[in-house]
Amino acid sequence: MNHVYILGAGFSVPLGGPLFTQLLSKELQRFRSSVEMPEGWRCLIDDMGQREIPILNQLGTDAESLIEKIDAFSHNCPSKFRDVIQATFPDFKYRELDLQVANVSEFFQRLSILVRKSVCAECEGPLDELDEDSDRWKPYDRWFKRLSTSGDIVLSFNYDSVFQRLRVRNKNAGTEKFWQLHGSATEILSNDNLVEQNGAYKRIDSMPSICLPGRMKSSVDTTGPLSERWTWANHQLSECRKLSIVGYSMPPTDNLARMTILDSIAKNKNLTQVNLVLGPSFGTVTSTRIEQIIKAVASKSVIIQNLPFYAQDFLPFVKQIT
């Protein structure tokens, strides 16, 4: 086995994709309009993007904290927040539009599902708008053509369908080299199974497969339909000769992913090189932190390159750079 790529949000940014910190924002509101949902819930989700509601200010001002707490409260909402919620949403109505929920737990359960759908729309929307003949695709097309004959492996923590679109663009229908470890906007859950259906997340009766910050992400490696992917990914990471981390900063809500990557690096006897490609994070505390923690667990013989490149710089010339 030769080369494994780990992809994060920074991989898709040159194609218009959002960073996690940008999700549920006012700027991405137009993409959420494609999701079927009752108008009362749509008003609520849109206001979440502007952080206008007092309860949301208490839950957290950044998207990661907000999503994580919504998931937690869908399982068990602390009593101190129940009073605030009930004062904010009398009789569980919002702007005189009935949200049709019986209690606080159901409120957060429904909100959690709609947030997942909204995130899918925000990740897919920019790609839907991107011209298929856009110059932005060229670095990715060159990388993909090499990838299709190299035997290399791609592991992604992104929700978008960039890789699926590259397959279509380059007439390569293979699926054995690529897995999305936190699910995909192109997959829905049906009877605990993953079913690939483009755009299905928009339907009011669908359940997106993506793992947002919260309980599902913390146990995705051992339970649920994505667990087999994690077993496979573990094996690839433990055997590869080269590892490139592209646009993935190991965020605070990805503890399981970070530990899985580092455990695999620690026990990999074949690994010779790790490349960090973090774009604008180069030279920051973020890139230094990742470089040093990999250095601490990897074999002393492993070469670690912290490169001052963006994804579109690195990918088309990966053979020359590595």
Protein backbone atom coordinates (compact mmCIF):
# COMPACT_ATOMS: atom_id res chain seq x y z
CA MET A 1 0.00 0.00 0.00
CA ASN A 2 1.40 3.35 -0.99
CA HIS A 3 -0.33 6.61 -0.08
CA VAL A 4 -3.34 7.46 2.11
CA TYR A 5 -5.00 10.87 1.96
CA ILE A 6 -7.06 12.27 4.85
CA LEU A 7 -9.38 15.05 3.67
CA GLY A 8 -10.99 17.81 5.72
CA ALA A 9 -13.05 20.89 4.90
CA GLY A 10 -10.02 22.73 3.53
CA PHE A 11 -9.93 20.22 0.66
CA SER A 12 -13.29 21.49 -0.64
CA VAL A 13 -12.90 25.22 0.11
CA PRO A 14 -11.31 26.03 -3.31
CA LEU A 15 -14.49 24.61 -4.90
CA GLY A 16 -16.70 26.87 -2.80
CA GLY A 17 -17.28 24.52 0.14
CA PRO A 18 -17.73 25.99 3.63
CA LEU A 19 -15.52 25.51 6.65
CA PHE A 20 -17.29 24.01 9.67
CA THR A 21 -17.22 27.38 11.42
CA GLN A 22 -19.30 28.87 8.58
CA LEU A 23 -22.17 26.38 8.81
CA LEU A 24 -25.66 27.55 9.84
CA SER A 25 -24.69 31.12 9.02
CA LYS A 26 -26.71 33.88 7.41
CA GLU A 27 -24.38 33.75 4.38
CA LEU A 28 -25.40 30.14 3.60
CA GLN A 29 -29.11 30.72 4.11
CA ARG A 30 -29.97 30.53 0.40
CA PHE A 31 -28.75 26.93 0.21
CA ARG A 32 -31.03 25.86 3.06
CA SER A 33 -34.08 26.98 1.07
CA SER A 34 -33.88 23.73 -0.94
CA VAL A 35 -34.69 21.63 2.16
CA GLU A 36 -38.34 20.75 2.75
CA MET A 37 -39.41 21.83 6.24
CA PRO A 38 -42.40 23.54 7.90
CA GLU A 39 -42.13 27.32 7.75
CA GLY A 40 -41.90 27.70 11.53
CA TRP A 41 -38.82 25.51 11.64
CA ARG A 42 -37.32 27.33 8.66
CA CYS A 43 -37.65 30.65 10.49
CA LEU A 44 -35.97 29.10 13.52
CA ILE A 45 -33.05 27.64 11.53
CA ASP A 46 -32.52 30.93 9.71
CA ASP A 47 -32.49 32.85 12.98
CA MET A 48 -29.95 30.36 14.31
CA GLY A 49 -27.63 31.59 11.59
CA GLN A 50 -27.93 35.10 12.95
CA ARG A 51 -27.81 33.99 16.60
CA GLU A 52 -30.75 36.31 17.40
CA ILE A 53 -32.57 34.05 19.86
CA PRO A 54 -31.51 34.29 23.54
CA ILE A 55 -31.44 30.51 24.05
CA LEU A 56 -29.05 30.12 21.11
CA ASN A 57 -26.71 32.71 22.55
CA GLN A 58 -26.53 30.59 25.69
CA LEU A 59 -25.97 27.40 23.75
CA GLY A 60 -22.93 28.78 21.95
CA THR A 61 -21.98 31.32 19.34
CA ASP A 62 -19.95 29.02 17.08
CA ALA A 63 -21.52 26.35 14.88
CA GLU A 64 -19.61 23.46 16.47
CA SER A 65 -20.73 24.23 20.03
CA LEU A 66 -24.28 24.94 18.93
CA ILE A 67 -24.65 21.67 17.00
CA GLU A 68 -23.03 19.62 19.77
CA LYS A 69 -25.39 21.01 22.43
CA ILE A 70 -28.48 20.59 20.27
CA ASP A 71 -27.57 16.91 19.91
CA ALA A 72 -26.94 16.54 23.65
CA PHE A 73 -30.21 18.23 24.57
CA SER A 74 -32.14 15.97 22.19
CA HIS A 75 -31.19 13.17 24.59
CA ASN A 76 -31.30 15.03 27.91
CA CYS A 77 -31.96 18.74 28.28
CA PRO A 78 -30.75 20.23 31.61
CA SER A 79 -33.52 21.73 33.70
CA LYS A 80 -31.93 25.19 33.69
CA PHE A 81 -32.44 25.36 29.93
CA ARG A 82 -35.99 24.00 30.01
CA ASP A 83 -37.22 27.19 31.68
CA VAL A 84 -35.40 29.37 29.16
CA ILE A 85 -36.76 27.37 26.23
CA GLN A 86 -40.30 27.44 27.51
CA ALA A 87 -40.06 31.21 28.02
CA THR A 88 -38.58 31.66 24.54
CA PHE A 89 -41.06 29.35 22.81
CA PRO A 90 -44.41 29.64 24.68
CA ASP A 91 -46.51 26.54 23.98
CA PHE A 92 -43.74 25.55 21.58
CA LYS A 93 -44.86 28.05 19.01
CA TYR A 94 -42.46 30.31 17.15
CA ARG A 95 -43.56 33.51 15.47
CA GLU A 96 -47.13 32.22 15.69
CA LEU A 97 -46.22 29.19 13.59
CA ASP A 98 -46.85 25.86 15.29
CA LEU A 99 -43.74 23.71 15.65
CA GLN A 100 -45.93 20.72 16.57
CA VAL A 101 -43.83 19.27 19.36
CA ALA A 102 -45.03 17.91 22.68
CA ASN A 103 -42.04 18.63 24.89
CA VAL A 104 -38.53 20.02 25.07
CA SER A 105 -36.84 16.71 24.16
CA GLU A 106 -38.92 16.35 21.02
CA PHE A 107 -38.18 19.97 20.16
CA PHE A 108 -34.43 19.28 20.17
CA GLN A 109 -34.81 15.92 18.40
CA ARG A 110 -36.59 17.55 15.48
CA LEU A 111 -34.20 20.50 15.52
CA SER A 112 -31.23 18.11 15.40
CA ILE A 113 -32.58 16.36 12.28
CA LEU A 114 -33.30 19.65 10.52
CA VAL A 115 -29.83 20.93 11.37
CA ARG A 116 -28.34 17.83 9.71
CA LYS A 117 -30.41 18.46 6.58
CA SER A 118 -29.39 22.12 6.57
CA VAL A 119 -25.70 21.22 6.83
CA CYS A 120 -26.08 18.84 3.86
CA ALA A 121 -27.64 21.65 1.81
CA GLU A 122 -24.89 24.09 2.78
CA CYS A 123 -22.17 21.63 1.75
CA GLU A 124 -23.82 20.62 -1.54
CA GLY A 125 -25.22 23.99 -2.61
CA PRO A 126 -21.90 25.62 -3.60
CA LEU A 127 -20.99 22.54 -5.67
CA ASP A 128 -24.37 22.64 -7.44
CA GLU A 129 -23.69 26.27 -8.37
CA LEU A 130 -20.15 25.62 -9.62
CA ASP A 131 -19.89 25.43 -13.41
CA GLU A 132 -18.71 21.96 -14.41
CA ASP A 133 -16.27 23.61 -16.83
CA SER A 134 -14.88 25.90 -14.13
CA ASP A 135 -11.12 26.25 -13.93
CA ARG A 136 -11.42 25.38 -10.21
CA TRP A 137 -11.88 21.71 -11.09
CA LYS A 138 -8.61 21.36 -13.03
CA PRO A 139 -6.22 20.62 -10.09
CA TYR A 140 -8.68 18.09 -8.71
CA ASP A 141 -9.20 16.38 -12.09
CA ARG A 142 -5.44 15.92 -12.54
CA TRP A 143 -5.07 14.47 -9.05
CA PHE A 144 -8.05 12.15 -9.53
CA LYS A 145 -6.75 10.75 -12.82
CA ARG A 146 -3.48 9.84 -11.14
CA LEU A 147 -5.35 8.46 -8.14
CA SER A 148 -7.46 6.15 -10.29
CA THR A 149 -4.36 4.23 -11.41
CA SER A 150 -2.10 4.55 -8.34
CA GLY A 151 -3.80 2.27 -5.81
CA ASP A 152 -3.83 5.11 -3.28
CA ILE A 153 -6.56 5.45 -0.65
CA VAL A 154 -8.73 8.45 0.27
CA LEU A 155 -10.41 8.87 3.68
CA SER A 156 -12.64 11.91 4.06
CA PHE A 157 -14.25 13.63 7.04
CA ASN A 158 -16.24 15.87 4.69
CA TYR A 159 -19.98 15.58 4.08
CA ASP A 160 -19.97 16.89 0.50
CA SER A 161 -19.94 14.99 -2.79
CA VAL A 162 -16.73 16.39 -4.32
CA PHE A 163 -15.22 12.94 -4.78
CA GLN A 164 -18.44 11.50 -6.26
CA ARG A 165 -18.52 14.37 -8.74
CA LEU A 166 -14.89 13.73 -9.67
CA ARG A 167 -15.84 10.14 -10.49
CA VAL A 168 -18.57 11.34 -12.83
CA ARG A 169 -16.35 13.98 -14.41
CA ASN A 170 -13.59 11.46 -15.08
CA LYS A 171 -15.80 8.48 -15.98
CA ASN A 172 -14.49 6.39 -13.10
CA ALA A 173 -17.20 4.55 -11.17
CA GLY A 174 -14.88 2.77 -8.73
CA THR A 175 -15.73 2.93 -5.05
CA GLU A 176 -13.04 0.81 -3.42
CA LYS A 177 -10.53 3.64 -2.82
CA PHE A 178 -12.68 6.21 -1.05
CA TRP A 179 -14.78 6.36 2.13
CA GLN A 180 -16.46 9.20 3.98
CA LEU A 181 -16.01 8.35 7.63
CA HIS A 182 -18.61 10.82 8.94
CA GLY A 183 -21.21 10.01 6.30
CA SER A 184 -22.25 11.86 3.19
CA ALA A 185 -24.91 14.31 2.01
CA THR A 186 -25.55 11.83 -0.80
CA GLU A 187 -26.51 9.04 1.63
CA ILE A 188 -29.60 8.62 3.80
CA LEU A 189 -30.36 6.16 6.57
CA SER A 190 -33.07 3.63 5.79
CA ASN A 191 -33.75 0.84 8.32
CA ASP A 192 -30.26 1.44 9.76
CA ASN A 193 -28.69 0.96 6.32
CA LEU A 194 -26.96 3.52 4.11
CA VAL A 195 -28.68 4.25 0.82
CA GLU A 196 -27.06 6.52 -1.78
CA GLN A 197 -29.57 8.99 -3.20
CA ASN A 198 -28.41 12.36 -4.49
CA GLY A 199 -30.48 15.18 -3.04
CA ALA A 200 -32.55 12.89 -0.83
CA TYR A 201 -31.64 14.93 2.27
CA LYS A 202 -33.98 17.64 0.96
CA ARG A 203 -37.08 15.49 1.44
CA ILE A 204 -39.08 16.10 4.58
CA ASP A 205 -39.23 12.37 5.42
CA SER A 206 -35.51 11.60 4.95
CA MET A 207 -32.80 10.98 7.55
CA PRO A 208 -29.30 12.13 6.49
CA SER A 209 -26.42 9.81 7.36
CA ILE A 210 -23.94 12.51 8.38
CA CYS A 211 -22.37 12.51 11.85
CA LEU A 212 -22.39 15.99 13.33
CA PRO A 213 -20.70 16.79 16.66
CA GLY A 214 -22.43 14.80 19.40
CA ARG A 215 -23.16 11.22 20.42
CA MET A 216 -23.25 9.70 16.94
CA LYS A 217 -19.78 11.00 16.07
CA SER A 218 -18.32 9.74 19.36
CA SER A 219 -19.33 6.11 18.70
CA VAL A 220 -19.28 5.97 14.90
CA ASP A 221 -16.30 3.56 14.87
CA THR A 222 -18.07 0.80 16.82
CA THR A 223 -21.82 1.22 16.24
CA GLY A 224 -24.04 2.03 13.30
CA PRO A 225 -23.71 1.64 9.54
CA LEU A 226 -20.42 3.56 9.29
CA SER A 227 -18.47 1.31 11.66
CA GLU A 228 -17.24 -1.01 8.87
CA ARG A 229 -15.69 1.98 7.13
CA TRP A 230 -13.73 2.81 10.29
CA THR A 231 -12.40 -0.75 10.55
CA TRP A 232 -11.26 -0.53 6.93
CA ALA A 233 -9.76 2.94 7.47
CA ASN A 234 -7.84 1.76 10.53
CA HIS A 235 -6.22 -0.96 8.46
CA GLN A 236 -5.24 1.45 5.67
CA LEU A 237 -3.72 3.95 8.09
CA SER A 238 -1.76 1.23 9.88
CA GLU A 239 -0.16 -0.11 6.68
CA CYS A 240 0.46 2.88 4.37
CA ARG A 241 3.91 4.17 3.42
CA LYS A 242 2.88 7.81 2.95
CA LEU A 243 0.16 9.85 4.62
CA SER A 244 -1.09 13.27 3.47
CA ILE A 245 -3.48 15.28 5.65
CA VAL A 246 -5.19 17.84 3.42
CA GLY A 247 -7.34 20.58 4.92
CA TYR A 248 -8.07 18.65 8.10
CA SER A 249 -7.17 20.39 11.37
CA MET A 250 -8.32 17.70 13.85
CA PRO A 251 -10.97 19.98 15.46
CA PRO A 252 -12.04 19.75 19.13
CA THR A 253 -15.18 17.75 18.33
CA ASP A 254 -13.21 15.10 16.39
CA ASN A 255 -11.46 13.44 19.32
CA LEU A 256 -12.23 9.92 18.10
CA ALA A 257 -10.89 10.68 14.64
CA ARG A 258 -7.75 12.31 16.01
CA MET A 259 -7.00 9.38 18.33
CA THR A 260 -7.66 6.86 15.53
CA ILE A 261 -5.23 8.63 13.20
CA LEU A 262 -2.54 8.99 15.86
CA ASP A 263 -2.91 5.39 17.10
CA SER A 264 -2.49 4.14 13.54
CA ILE A 265 0.57 6.33 12.94
CA ALA A 266 2.10 5.06 16.19
CA LYS A 267 1.81 1.39 15.22
CA ASN A 268 2.58 1.78 11.50
CA LYS A 269 5.98 0.23 10.80
CA ASN A 270 5.83 1.01 7.07
CA LEU A 271 5.27 4.76 7.33
CA THR A 272 8.07 6.90 5.88
CA GLN A 273 6.46 10.30 5.32
CA VAL A 274 3.60 12.49 6.57
CA ASN A 275 2.57 15.62 4.65
CA LEU A 276 0.50 18.37 6.27
CA VAL A 277 -1.36 20.59 3.80
CA LEU A 278 -3.41 23.05 5.85
CA GLY A 279 -3.59 26.11 3.57
CA PRO A 280 -4.09 29.32 5.56
CA SER A 281 -3.40 27.49 8.81
CA PHE A 282 0.27 27.03 7.83
CA GLY A 283 2.51 28.66 10.43
CA THR A 284 -0.30 28.96 12.98
CA VAL A 285 -0.75 27.24 16.33
CA THR A 286 -3.08 24.78 14.57
CA SER A 287 -0.47 23.46 12.13
CA THR A 288 2.28 23.47 14.76
CA ARG A 289 0.06 21.49 17.13
CA ILE A 290 -0.71 18.82 14.53
CA GLU A 291 2.92 18.60 13.40
CA GLN A 292 4.21 18.19 16.95
CA ILE A 293 1.65 15.64 18.04
CA ILE A 294 2.37 13.49 14.98
CA LYS A 295 6.09 13.85 15.63
CA ALA A 296 5.53 12.67 19.21
CA VAL A 297 3.81 9.40 18.23
CA ALA A 298 5.47 8.52 14.91
CA SER A 299 8.64 6.53 14.49
CA LYS A 300 11.77 8.68 14.62
CA SER A 301 12.53 7.78 11.00
CA VAL A 302 9.27 9.28 9.67
CA ILE A 303 9.75 12.51 7.69
CA ILE A 304 7.08 15.10 8.55
CA GLN A 305 6.55 17.89 6.01
CA ASN A 306 4.46 20.87 7.12
CA LEU A 307 3.86 22.43 3.70
CA PRO A 308 2.80 26.03 2.91
CA PHE A 309 0.31 24.89 0.27
CA TYR A 310 -3.42 24.91 -0.35
CA ALA A 311 -5.18 21.78 -1.62
CA GLN A 312 -5.18 23.03 -5.22
CA ASP A 313 -1.40 23.62 -5.02
CA PHE A 314 -0.52 20.26 -3.55
CA LEU A 315 -2.82 17.74 -5.22
CA PRO A 316 -1.88 18.12 -8.92
CA PHE A 317 1.84 17.95 -8.07
CA VAL A 318 1.74 15.42 -5.27
CA LYS A 319 4.08 13.02 -7.06
CA GLN A 320 6.79 15.68 -7.38
CA ILE A 321 6.30 17.07 -3.87
CA THR A 322 6.28 13.73 -2.06
